Protein backbone atom coordinates (compact mmCIF):
# COMPACT_ATOMS: atom_id res chain seq x y z
CA MET A 1 25.55 171.31 45.08
CA THR A 2 23.03 169.81 42.66
CA VAL A 3 22.15 169.99 38.98
CA TYR A 4 18.38 170.38 38.76
CA VAL A 5 16.28 169.17 35.84
CA ASP A 6 12.77 170.61 35.42
CA VAL A 7 10.41 167.65 35.03
CA SER A 8 7.15 169.65 35.24
CA ALA A 9 6.05 168.38 31.83
CA ALA A 10 6.46 164.77 32.98
CA VAL A 11 4.66 165.34 36.28
CA ASN A 12 1.77 167.04 34.51
CA ALA A 13 1.60 164.44 31.70
CA ARG A 14 2.34 166.77 28.78
CA ALA A 15 2.81 164.15 26.04
CA GLY A 16 6.15 164.36 24.18
CA LEU A 17 7.56 167.09 26.42
CA GLY A 18 6.88 164.88 29.42
CA ARG A 19 8.61 161.90 27.87
CA TYR A 20 11.66 164.02 27.15
CA ALA A 21 11.82 165.48 30.67
CA ALA A 22 11.45 162.13 32.44
CA ASN A 23 13.92 160.28 30.24
CA ILE A 24 16.63 162.93 30.29
CA ALA A 25 16.37 163.33 34.09
CA ARG A 26 16.48 159.56 34.61
CA THR A 27 19.46 158.89 32.36
CA VAL A 28 21.51 161.91 33.46
CA ALA A 29 20.95 160.86 37.09
CA ASP A 30 22.11 157.33 36.24
CA LEU A 31 25.20 158.82 34.60
CA GLN A 32 26.02 161.06 37.57
CA PRO A 33 24.70 159.39 40.75
CA GLY A 34 24.07 161.79 43.61
CA ARG A 35 24.48 164.93 41.52
CA VAL A 36 21.06 165.32 39.94
CA GLY A 37 17.80 166.53 41.42
CA VAL A 38 14.42 167.41 39.94
CA PHE A 39 12.21 170.47 40.10
CA TYR A 40 8.56 170.67 39.08
CA ASN A 41 5.38 172.67 39.27
CA GLN A 42 2.74 170.23 40.41
CA THR A 43 -0.71 171.16 39.13
CA ARG A 44 -3.97 169.62 40.31
CA GLY A 45 -4.19 165.88 39.71
CA ALA A 46 -0.53 165.59 38.68
CA ARG A 47 1.75 162.76 39.73
CA VAL A 48 5.49 162.21 39.76
CA PRO A 49 6.36 159.50 37.20
CA ALA A 50 8.17 156.37 38.31
CA GLU A 51 11.28 157.25 36.27
CA VAL A 52 12.14 160.17 38.54
CA GLU A 53 10.25 159.64 41.80
CA HIS A 54 13.41 158.32 43.48
CA LEU A 55 15.37 161.52 42.77
CA PRO A 56 15.66 164.31 45.36
CA GLY A 57 13.87 167.47 44.40
CA HIS A 58 11.83 170.56 45.07
CA SER A 59 8.45 171.62 43.82
CA VAL A 60 5.84 174.33 43.80
CA ARG A 61 2.09 174.04 43.51
CA ALA A 62 0.70 176.60 41.11
CA GLY A 63 -1.69 176.56 38.21
CA TYR A 64 -0.14 176.11 34.78
CA LYS A 65 -0.94 179.59 33.48
CA PRO A 66 -0.19 181.47 36.74
CA TRP A 67 3.19 179.75 36.96
CA ARG A 68 4.08 180.62 33.38
CA MET A 69 3.19 184.26 33.99
CA ALA A 70 5.11 184.37 37.27
CA VAL A 71 8.27 182.99 35.66
CA TRP A 72 8.08 185.36 32.69
CA LEU A 73 7.42 188.45 34.82
CA ALA A 74 10.25 187.51 37.18
CA GLN A 75 12.59 187.18 34.20
CA LEU A 76 11.55 190.64 33.01
CA ALA A 77 11.98 192.17 36.47
CA GLY A 78 15.26 190.44 37.24
CA VAL A 79 13.84 188.66 40.28
CA GLY A 80 15.62 185.44 41.20
CA PHE A 81 13.79 182.31 42.33
CA ASN A 82 16.91 180.86 43.97
CA ARG A 83 15.09 180.03 47.22
CA LEU A 84 13.21 177.33 45.30
CA LEU A 85 16.45 175.53 44.42
CA PRO A 86 18.91 175.75 47.31
CA GLU A 87 22.53 175.07 46.39
CA ALA A 88 21.73 174.75 42.69
CA GLU A 89 24.83 174.23 40.61
CA CYS A 90 23.03 174.29 37.24
CA PHE A 91 19.42 174.35 36.06
CA HIS A 92 18.02 172.60 32.98
CA ALA A 93 14.69 173.87 31.65
CA THR A 94 13.25 171.00 29.62
CA GLU A 95 10.21 172.83 28.26
CA HIS A 96 9.74 176.38 27.04
CA LEU A 97 9.89 177.97 30.50
CA LEU A 98 13.18 179.22 31.97
CA LEU A 99 13.21 179.68 35.74
CA PRO A 100 14.97 182.95 36.70
CA LEU A 101 17.99 182.15 38.89
CA ARG A 102 20.75 184.54 39.86
CA ASP A 103 24.33 183.36 39.43
CA VAL A 104 23.22 179.84 38.48
CA PRO A 105 24.06 178.74 34.92
CA SER A 106 21.07 177.53 32.92
CA VAL A 107 20.41 175.26 29.96
CA LEU A 108 17.21 175.53 27.92
CA THR A 109 15.92 172.76 25.68
CA VAL A 110 14.06 174.18 22.69
CA HIS A 111 11.83 171.54 21.14
CA ASP A 112 10.43 173.61 18.30
CA LEU A 113 9.34 177.06 17.19
CA ILE A 114 6.04 175.88 15.76
CA PHE A 115 4.23 178.92 17.13
CA GLN A 116 6.42 181.01 14.80
CA ARG A 117 6.04 178.77 11.76
CA PHE A 118 2.30 178.05 12.20
CA PRO A 119 0.77 180.76 14.41
CA GLU A 120 -2.71 179.82 13.23
CA HIS A 121 -2.34 176.47 14.98
CA HIS A 122 -2.02 177.98 18.45
CA ARG A 123 -4.57 179.55 20.74
CA ARG A 124 -4.27 183.32 20.60
CA LEU A 125 -3.19 183.73 24.24
CA ASN A 126 -0.62 180.95 24.01
CA HIS A 127 0.82 182.42 20.81
CA TRP A 128 1.00 185.86 22.43
CA TYR A 129 2.83 184.47 25.45
CA LEU A 130 5.36 182.40 23.50
CA ASN A 131 6.05 185.23 21.07
CA LEU A 132 7.02 187.49 23.96
CA ALA A 133 8.63 185.00 26.32
CA MET A 134 10.62 182.61 24.14
CA PRO A 135 13.08 185.15 22.65
CA LEU A 136 13.81 186.30 26.21
CA TYR A 137 14.36 182.75 27.49
CA VAL A 138 16.61 181.89 24.56
CA ARG A 139 18.73 184.99 25.21
CA ARG A 140 18.91 184.46 28.98
CA ALA A 141 19.88 180.78 28.88
CA ASP A 142 23.62 180.13 28.98
CA ALA A 143 23.28 177.27 26.51
CA ILE A 144 20.56 175.88 24.26
CA ILE A 145 19.87 172.23 23.52
CA ALA A 146 17.95 171.72 20.27
CA ILE A 147 16.39 168.31 19.74
CA SER A 148 17.03 168.32 15.99
CA GLU A 149 18.98 170.11 13.30
CA ALA A 150 15.63 171.47 12.08
CA THR A 151 15.04 173.21 15.42
CA ARG A 152 18.63 174.45 15.48
CA SER A 153 18.17 176.01 12.04
CA ASP A 154 14.94 177.69 13.18
CA LEU A 155 16.68 179.21 16.20
CA VAL A 156 19.43 180.65 14.04
CA GLU A 157 17.07 181.90 11.33
CA LEU A 158 14.19 183.23 13.44
CA TYR A 159 15.97 184.45 16.58
CA GLY A 160 19.48 185.07 15.35
CA THR A 161 20.81 182.72 18.04
CA PRO A 162 24.59 182.24 17.71
CA PRO A 163 25.15 178.72 16.34
CA GLU A 164 27.88 178.07 18.89
CA LYS A 165 25.34 178.51 21.69
CA ILE A 166 23.27 175.57 20.40
CA THR A 167 23.98 171.86 20.79
CA VAL A 168 21.82 169.28 19.01
CA VAL A 169 21.00 166.34 21.28
CA TYR A 170 18.66 163.74 19.82
CA GLU A 171 15.92 162.00 21.77
CA ALA A 172 15.27 158.26 21.69
CA ALA A 173 12.51 155.75 22.31
CA ALA A 174 12.03 154.80 25.95
CA PRO A 175 13.00 151.25 27.03
CA HIS A 176 9.39 150.01 27.11
CA PHE A 177 9.13 150.50 23.35
CA GLY A 178 10.44 147.33 21.76
CA PRO A 179 9.49 144.26 19.72
CA PRO A 180 7.50 141.52 21.46
CA PRO A 181 9.74 139.17 23.49
CA SER A 182 7.93 136.10 22.14
CA ASP A 183 4.91 135.15 20.06
CA GLY A 184 3.04 134.09 23.18
CA GLU A 185 3.63 137.38 25.00
CA ARG A 186 2.76 139.30 21.83
CA ASP A 187 -0.54 137.46 21.47
CA ALA A 188 -1.45 137.96 25.14
CA ALA A 189 -0.61 141.68 25.07
CA LEU A 190 -2.53 142.18 21.83
CA GLU A 191 -5.57 140.39 23.22
CA HIS A 192 -5.45 142.69 26.24
CA VAL A 193 -5.25 145.96 24.28
CA ARG A 194 -7.79 144.83 21.70
CA ALA A 195 -10.29 144.12 24.45
CA ARG A 196 -9.44 147.22 26.49
CA TYR A 197 -9.77 149.66 23.60
CA ALA A 198 -12.17 147.77 21.33
CA LEU A 199 -9.59 147.79 18.54
CA PRO A 200 -10.51 146.73 15.00
CA ASP A 201 -8.70 143.87 13.28
CA GLN A 202 -6.92 146.10 10.76
CA TYR A 203 -5.85 149.58 11.76
CA LEU A 204 -3.41 152.39 11.28
CA VAL A 205 -2.14 154.02 14.46
CA THR A 206 -1.09 157.60 15.05
CA LEU A 207 0.32 158.73 18.38
CA GLY A 208 0.22 162.31 19.66
CA THR A 209 -1.87 165.15 21.00
CA VAL A 210 -4.95 166.01 18.93
CA GLU A 211 -4.16 169.51 17.63
CA PRO A 212 -4.07 171.18 14.20
CA ARG A 213 -0.39 170.73 13.35
CA LYS A 214 -0.77 166.95 13.68
CA ASN A 215 -2.71 167.21 10.39
CA LEU A 216 -5.20 164.56 11.40
CA SER A 217 -8.06 165.95 9.31
CA ARG A 218 -6.09 165.27 6.11
CA LEU A 219 -5.31 161.79 7.41
CA LEU A 220 -9.05 161.21 7.75
CA ARG A 221 -9.53 162.18 4.10
CA ALA A 222 -6.72 159.80 3.10
CA LEU A 223 -8.44 157.06 5.12
CA VAL A 224 -11.59 157.44 3.00
CA GLY A 225 -9.54 156.68 -0.12
CA LEU A 226 -7.66 153.83 1.56
CA ARG A 227 -10.88 152.13 2.59
CA ARG A 228 -11.89 151.69 -1.05
CA ASP A 229 -9.13 149.09 -1.40
CA HIS A 230 -9.04 148.06 2.28
CA PRO A 231 -12.66 148.21 3.49
CA GLU A 232 -11.79 146.76 6.92
CA LEU A 233 -9.16 149.43 7.64
CA ALA A 234 -9.67 151.80 10.58
CA LEU A 235 -7.67 154.56 12.26
CA VAL A 236 -6.64 154.50 15.92
CA VAL A 237 -5.59 157.81 17.47
CA ALA A 238 -3.70 157.52 20.75
CA GLY A 239 -3.43 160.93 22.37
CA VAL A 240 -5.23 163.46 24.51
CA ARG A 241 -7.16 166.42 23.15
CA GLY A 242 -4.91 169.43 22.96
CA TRP A 243 -6.30 172.62 21.44
CA LEU A 244 -8.28 173.70 18.38
CA TYR A 245 -9.27 170.06 17.89
CA GLU A 246 -12.89 170.69 16.95
CA ASP A 247 -12.27 170.50 13.20
CA PHE A 248 -10.89 166.96 13.56
CA PHE A 249 -14.07 165.66 15.18
CA LYS A 250 -16.28 167.57 12.76
CA THR A 251 -14.38 165.95 9.87
CA ILE A 252 -14.97 162.47 11.32
CA ASP A 253 -18.70 163.16 11.23
CA ALA A 254 -18.66 164.87 7.83
CA LEU A 255 -16.83 161.94 6.21
CA ASP A 256 -19.07 159.36 7.94
CA LEU A 257 -16.07 157.77 9.65
CA THR A 258 -17.44 157.50 13.17
CA ALA A 259 -17.44 153.71 13.05
CA HIS A 260 -13.92 153.57 11.62
CA VAL A 261 -11.96 155.95 13.85
CA ARG A 262 -11.07 155.13 17.46
CA VAL A 263 -9.88 158.12 19.51
CA LEU A 264 -8.41 156.55 22.64
CA GLY A 265 -7.29 159.60 24.59
CA TYR A 266 -4.44 158.98 27.02
CA VAL A 267 -2.92 155.51 26.69
CA PRO A 268 -0.66 154.19 29.50
CA ASP A 269 2.93 153.41 28.54
CA ASP A 270 2.46 149.68 29.06
CA ASP A 271 -0.20 149.58 26.32
CA LEU A 272 1.65 151.61 23.67
CA ALA A 273 4.03 148.92 22.41
CA PRO A 274 1.22 146.35 21.90
CA LEU A 275 -0.75 149.07 20.13
CA PHE A 276 2.10 149.37 17.63
CA TRP A 277 2.55 145.58 17.37
CA GLY A 278 -1.02 145.16 16.16
CA ALA A 279 -1.01 148.01 13.63
CA ARG A 280 -0.61 147.65 9.87
CA ALA A 281 1.49 150.82 10.00
CA ALA A 282 2.11 153.89 12.14
CA VAL A 283 1.33 157.18 10.42
CA VAL A 284 2.93 160.51 11.38
CA PRO A 285 1.14 163.10 9.21
CA SER A 286 2.35 166.23 11.03
CA LEU A 287 2.83 169.58 9.33
CA TYR A 288 5.80 170.18 11.62
CA GLU A 289 7.67 168.34 14.36
CA GLY A 290 10.64 169.49 16.39
CA PHE A 291 11.71 165.85 16.60
CA GLY A 292 8.86 163.41 16.02
CA LEU A 293 9.46 160.88 18.78
CA PRO A 294 6.55 158.59 17.70
CA VAL A 295 8.59 157.76 14.59
CA LEU A 296 11.29 156.11 16.72
CA GLU A 297 8.80 154.65 19.19
CA ALA A 298 6.96 152.86 16.39
CA MET A 299 10.18 151.70 14.73
CA ALA A 300 11.53 150.38 18.04
CA CYS A 301 8.39 148.21 18.23
CA GLY A 302 8.90 146.86 14.72
CA CYS A 303 6.00 148.82 13.25
CA PRO A 304 6.43 150.22 9.71
CA VAL A 305 6.29 154.03 9.66
CA VAL A 306 4.73 156.22 6.97
CA SER A 307 5.53 159.85 7.67
CA SER A 308 5.26 163.42 6.57
CA ASP A 309 8.45 164.76 5.00
CA ALA A 310 8.22 168.03 6.98
CA ALA A 311 10.84 169.58 9.27
CA SER A 312 12.79 167.04 11.37
CA LEU A 313 10.87 163.90 10.44
CA PRO A 314 13.16 162.63 7.63
CA GLU A 315 16.09 163.45 9.93
CA VAL A 316 14.66 161.02 12.49
CA GLY A 317 13.19 158.32 10.27
CA GLY A 318 16.08 158.16 7.83
CA GLU A 319 15.70 155.60 5.04
CA ALA A 320 13.58 153.28 7.18
CA ALA A 321 10.32 155.22 6.71
CA ARG A 322 8.22 156.10 3.68
CA TYR A 323 7.40 159.79 3.24
CA PHE A 324 4.72 162.05 1.76
CA ASP A 325 3.94 165.75 1.41
CA PRO A 326 1.67 166.48 4.41
CA ALA A 327 -0.41 168.99 2.41
CA ASP A 328 -1.20 166.43 -0.32
CA VAL A 329 -3.97 164.01 0.69
CA GLU A 330 -3.50 161.86 -2.41
CA ALA A 331 0.24 161.54 -1.80
CA MET A 332 -0.52 160.53 1.78
CA ARG A 333 -3.04 157.93 0.64
CA THR A 334 -0.64 156.51 -1.96
CA ALA A 335 2.30 156.20 0.45
CA ILE A 336 0.22 154.51 3.14
CA GLY A 337 -1.47 152.24 0.60
CA GLU A 338 1.85 151.04 -0.83
CA VAL A 339 3.02 150.00 2.63
CA ILE A 340 -0.09 148.32 4.00
CA GLY A 341 -0.70 146.50 0.71
CA ASP A 342 2.75 144.88 0.49
CA ASP A 343 3.65 142.41 3.23
CA ALA A 344 7.20 141.94 1.93
CA LEU A 345 7.79 145.69 2.05
CA ARG A 346 6.39 145.85 5.58
CA ASP A 347 8.84 143.13 6.66
CA GLU A 348 11.73 145.10 5.13
CA MET A 349 10.56 148.27 6.87
CA ARG A 350 10.27 146.50 10.22
CA ALA A 351 13.90 145.38 10.04
CA ALA A 352 15.14 148.76 8.81
CA GLY A 353 13.12 150.55 11.48
CA LEU A 354 14.60 148.49 14.30
CA GLU A 355 18.09 149.39 13.05
CA GLN A 356 17.19 153.07 12.74
CA ALA A 357 15.71 153.27 16.24
CA ALA A 358 18.81 151.59 17.68
CA ARG A 359 20.95 154.50 16.41
CA PHE A 360 19.32 156.71 19.04
CA SER A 361 19.66 156.17 22.79
CA TRP A 362 18.89 158.06 25.98
CA GLU A 363 22.29 157.03 27.37
CA ARG A 364 23.96 158.90 24.53
CA ALA A 365 21.60 161.83 25.05
CA ALA A 366 22.53 161.88 28.75
CA ARG A 367 26.28 162.00 28.00
CA GLU A 368 25.84 164.80 25.48
CA THR A 369 23.52 166.71 27.82
CA TRP A 370 25.94 166.38 30.74
CA ALA A 371 28.70 167.79 28.52
CA VAL A 372 26.54 170.88 28.02
CA TYR A 373 26.05 171.21 31.78
CA GLU A 374 29.80 170.95 32.34
CA LYS A 375 30.45 173.61 29.73
CA VAL A 376 28.11 176.18 31.32
CA MET A 377 29.27 175.36 34.85
CA ALA A 378 32.90 175.85 33.79
CA GLY A 379 31.98 179.13 32.10
């Protein structure tokens, strides 16, 4: 008998969801050797990440949208997909897609309900699907893991989910996010990433998928103001294009920022820590985050964080970050300017950020997640 963790998001490189799936599968498997397997839908061009490639598992090959529709329709019809997971003891859905399994207890991680809070920031078809499917998945799952108290509150408020059904389990930065081991290694890694991505000397970095809720267009407007006092300052965006991103690129052109904004697309894990090491600050301007993992990833690298005060972000950043109202461009500019213009403050924030990031760990997340599995299996 095996506990299966769905790592489809990691296999198909779906940004923060993928990081969560890979890290939780890896650490739970380390905690319970021989008891954990993986399941995934492998779309074209996908690859199994190194963190979980050693684990036994099963997979299907279906397009992203056809697979989502098949799972939802099977849930509605009461059709079990048990043949895909022989001898499953428990199933953990790590993204917003709950495989229908008969007589197998299930755990669903809910990252956020952004499509409910900001429907205008989703494609119409995606919003339609999530609006219909997510309430069903939340009801059908035997237990819910929320990645923050903010998400837990949304589940209770918007879906009427019983609080006792929800367990909050925090994420953490992956092991490759950390301060430079030595000055020499830092300098060599920085030289590599500067050359590889043509990085400017002074830059802010923001990490995440380019989509409306990331609030990047307002960050561009704040950058215009910041450059009056810091004319060499640029913005580096590390993340793939998601959806409804056209306004972001139009704003770059409209504000004449083409020479001062580097949009890198996908950045391999090995290059992310050096990207943070070289930044004046990491900025997380999001209108909403279920957790906001880049806050901890930047802090774990010793990079000062200036963040939106929305949803879960103050919950994650604690007192180590500086915050602003994400709808207020001037407040954003002021908060960022105070940090990048004060080297003593940046040193204080580096130290506080390292302490804050250390409060979160995937080992702790694995123990708390396994306790949820045990609870549903016993029930």
